[in-house]
Amino acid sequence: MDEAVRKADVLLEALNWIRQFRGRHVVIKLGGSAMEETAAIRAFLTD
């Protein structure tokens, strides 16, 4: 349950940013040291 509450808190905090980009295309660049860890890539793509 704590994990769900934590994710809800993060989403509430991000809500204003999410609203600003609603209906727009967003490109997220993933590279550098993040590409060295498969677990980090999977976690990023899952979130």
N, C-alpha and C. Protein backbone atom coordinates (compact mmCIF):
# COMPACT_ATOMS: atom_id res chain seq x y z
N MET A 1 0.82 -1.19 0.00
CA MET A 1 0.00 0.00 0.00
C MET A 1 0.86 1.26 0.00
N ASP A 2 1.99 1.22 0.69
CA ASP A 2 2.87 2.38 0.74
C ASP A 2 3.36 2.77 -0.65
N GLU A 3 3.62 1.79 -1.49
CA GLU A 3 4.07 2.05 -2.85
C GLU A 3 2.99 2.78 -3.65
N ALA A 4 1.75 2.37 -3.50
CA ALA A 4 0.64 3.02 -4.20
C ALA A 4 0.48 4.46 -3.73
N VAL A 5 0.62 4.70 -2.46
CA VAL A 5 0.51 6.06 -1.92
C VAL A 5 1.65 6.93 -2.44
N ARG A 6 2.84 6.36 -2.49
CA ARG A 6 4.00 7.10 -3.00
C ARG A 6 3.80 7.50 -4.46
N LYS A 7 3.33 6.55 -5.28
CA LYS A 7 3.08 6.85 -6.69
C LYS A 7 1.98 7.89 -6.85
N ALA A 8 0.95 7.81 -6.04
CA ALA A 8 -0.13 8.80 -6.10
C ALA A 8 0.40 10.18 -5.74
N ASP A 9 1.26 10.27 -4.75
CA ASP A 9 1.85 11.56 -4.37
C ASP A 9 2.68 12.15 -5.51
N VAL A 10 3.45 11.31 -6.17
CA VAL A 10 4.27 11.77 -7.30
C VAL A 10 3.38 12.28 -8.42
N LEU A 11 2.32 11.55 -8.73
CA LEU A 11 1.42 11.97 -9.80
C LEU A 11 0.70 13.28 -9.46
N LEU A 12 0.29 13.44 -8.23
CA LEU A 12 -0.35 14.69 -7.82
C LEU A 12 0.62 15.87 -7.96
N GLU A 13 1.85 15.65 -7.60
CA GLU A 13 2.86 16.70 -7.72
C GLU A 13 3.13 17.05 -9.19
N ALA A 14 3.06 16.06 -10.06
CA ALA A 14 3.35 16.26 -11.48
C ALA A 14 2.14 16.72 -12.29
N LEU A 15 0.98 16.79 -11.68
CA LEU A 15 -0.26 17.07 -12.41
C LEU A 15 -0.20 18.35 -13.23
N ASN A 16 0.35 19.43 -12.70
CA ASN A 16 0.43 20.68 -13.45
C ASN A 16 1.28 20.53 -14.70
N TRP A 17 2.40 19.82 -14.58
CA TRP A 17 3.25 19.58 -15.75
C TRP A 17 2.52 18.71 -16.77
N ILE A 18 1.82 17.70 -16.29
CA ILE A 18 1.08 16.81 -17.19
C ILE A 18 0.03 17.61 -17.96
N ARG A 19 -0.66 18.50 -17.29
CA ARG A 19 -1.69 19.32 -17.95
C ARG A 19 -1.08 20.21 -19.03
N GLN A 20 0.12 20.74 -18.80
CA GLN A 20 0.76 21.61 -19.78
C GLN A 20 1.05 20.89 -21.09
N PHE A 21 1.32 19.60 -21.02
CA PHE A 21 1.70 18.84 -22.20
C PHE A 21 0.56 17.98 -22.75
N ARG A 22 -0.62 18.14 -22.22
CA ARG A 22 -1.77 17.35 -22.67
C ARG A 22 -2.05 17.62 -24.15
N GLY A 23 -2.20 16.55 -24.91
CA GLY A 23 -2.50 16.67 -26.33
C GLY A 23 -1.28 16.95 -27.20
N ARG A 24 -0.11 16.96 -26.61
CA ARG A 24 1.12 17.24 -27.37
C ARG A 24 1.97 15.98 -27.45
N HIS A 25 2.84 15.97 -28.44
CA HIS A 25 3.81 14.88 -28.57
C HIS A 25 5.02 15.22 -27.71
N VAL A 26 5.50 14.25 -26.97
CA VAL A 26 6.65 14.45 -26.11
C VAL A 26 7.71 13.40 -26.46
N VAL A 27 8.93 13.86 -26.67
CA VAL A 27 10.04 12.96 -26.96
C VAL A 27 10.96 12.93 -25.74
N ILE A 28 11.26 11.75 -25.27
CA ILE A 28 12.14 11.59 -24.12
C ILE A 28 13.39 10.86 -24.59
N LYS A 29 14.52 11.51 -24.42
CA LYS A 29 15.80 10.92 -24.84
C LYS A 29 16.35 10.07 -23.70
N LEU A 30 16.69 8.85 -24.03
CA LEU A 30 17.28 7.93 -23.06
C LEU A 30 18.65 7.53 -23.57
N GLY A 31 19.68 7.84 -22.81
CA GLY A 31 21.02 7.51 -23.27
C GLY A 31 22.02 7.62 -22.14
N GLY A 32 23.27 7.59 -22.51
CA GLY A 32 24.34 7.72 -21.52
C GLY A 32 24.42 6.54 -20.59
N SER A 33 24.69 6.82 -19.32
CA SER A 33 24.89 5.75 -18.34
C SER A 33 23.61 4.95 -18.11
N ALA A 34 22.45 5.54 -18.39
CA ALA A 34 21.19 4.81 -18.21
C ALA A 34 21.11 3.60 -19.15
N MET A 35 21.79 3.69 -20.29
CA MET A 35 21.75 2.60 -21.26
C MET A 35 22.62 1.41 -20.83
N GLU A 36 23.42 1.59 -19.81
CA GLU A 36 24.31 0.52 -19.37
C GLU A 36 23.63 -0.48 -18.45
N GLU A 37 22.49 -0.12 -17.90
CA GLU A 37 21.80 -1.00 -16.96
C GLU A 37 20.43 -1.40 -17.50
N THR A 38 20.30 -2.67 -17.82
CA THR A 38 19.03 -3.18 -18.35
C THR A 38 17.89 -2.95 -17.37
N ALA A 39 18.15 -3.12 -16.09
CA ALA A 39 17.10 -2.92 -15.08
C ALA A 39 16.63 -1.48 -15.06
N ALA A 40 17.53 -0.53 -15.24
CA ALA A 40 17.16 0.88 -15.26
C ALA A 40 16.30 1.20 -16.47
N ILE A 41 16.63 0.63 -17.61
CA ILE A 41 15.84 0.84 -18.83
C ILE A 41 14.44 0.27 -18.65
N ARG A 42 14.35 -0.94 -18.13
CA ARG A 42 13.04 -1.57 -17.91
C ARG A 42 12.21 -0.75 -16.92
N ALA A 43 12.82 -0.27 -15.86
CA ALA A 43 12.10 0.52 -14.87
C ALA A 43 11.59 1.81 -15.49
N PHE A 44 12.40 2.45 -16.31
CA PHE A 44 12.00 3.69 -16.98
C PHE A 44 10.82 3.44 -17.91
N LEU A 45 10.91 2.40 -18.71
CA LEU A 45 9.85 2.10 -19.67
C LEU A 45 8.58 1.62 -18.99
N THR A 46 8.70 1.00 -17.84
CA THR A 46 7.53 0.54 -17.10
C THR A 46 6.79 1.71 -16.49
N ASP A 47 7.54 2.67 -15.92
CA ASP A 47 6.91 3.84 -15.31
C ASP A 47 6.29 4.70 -16.37
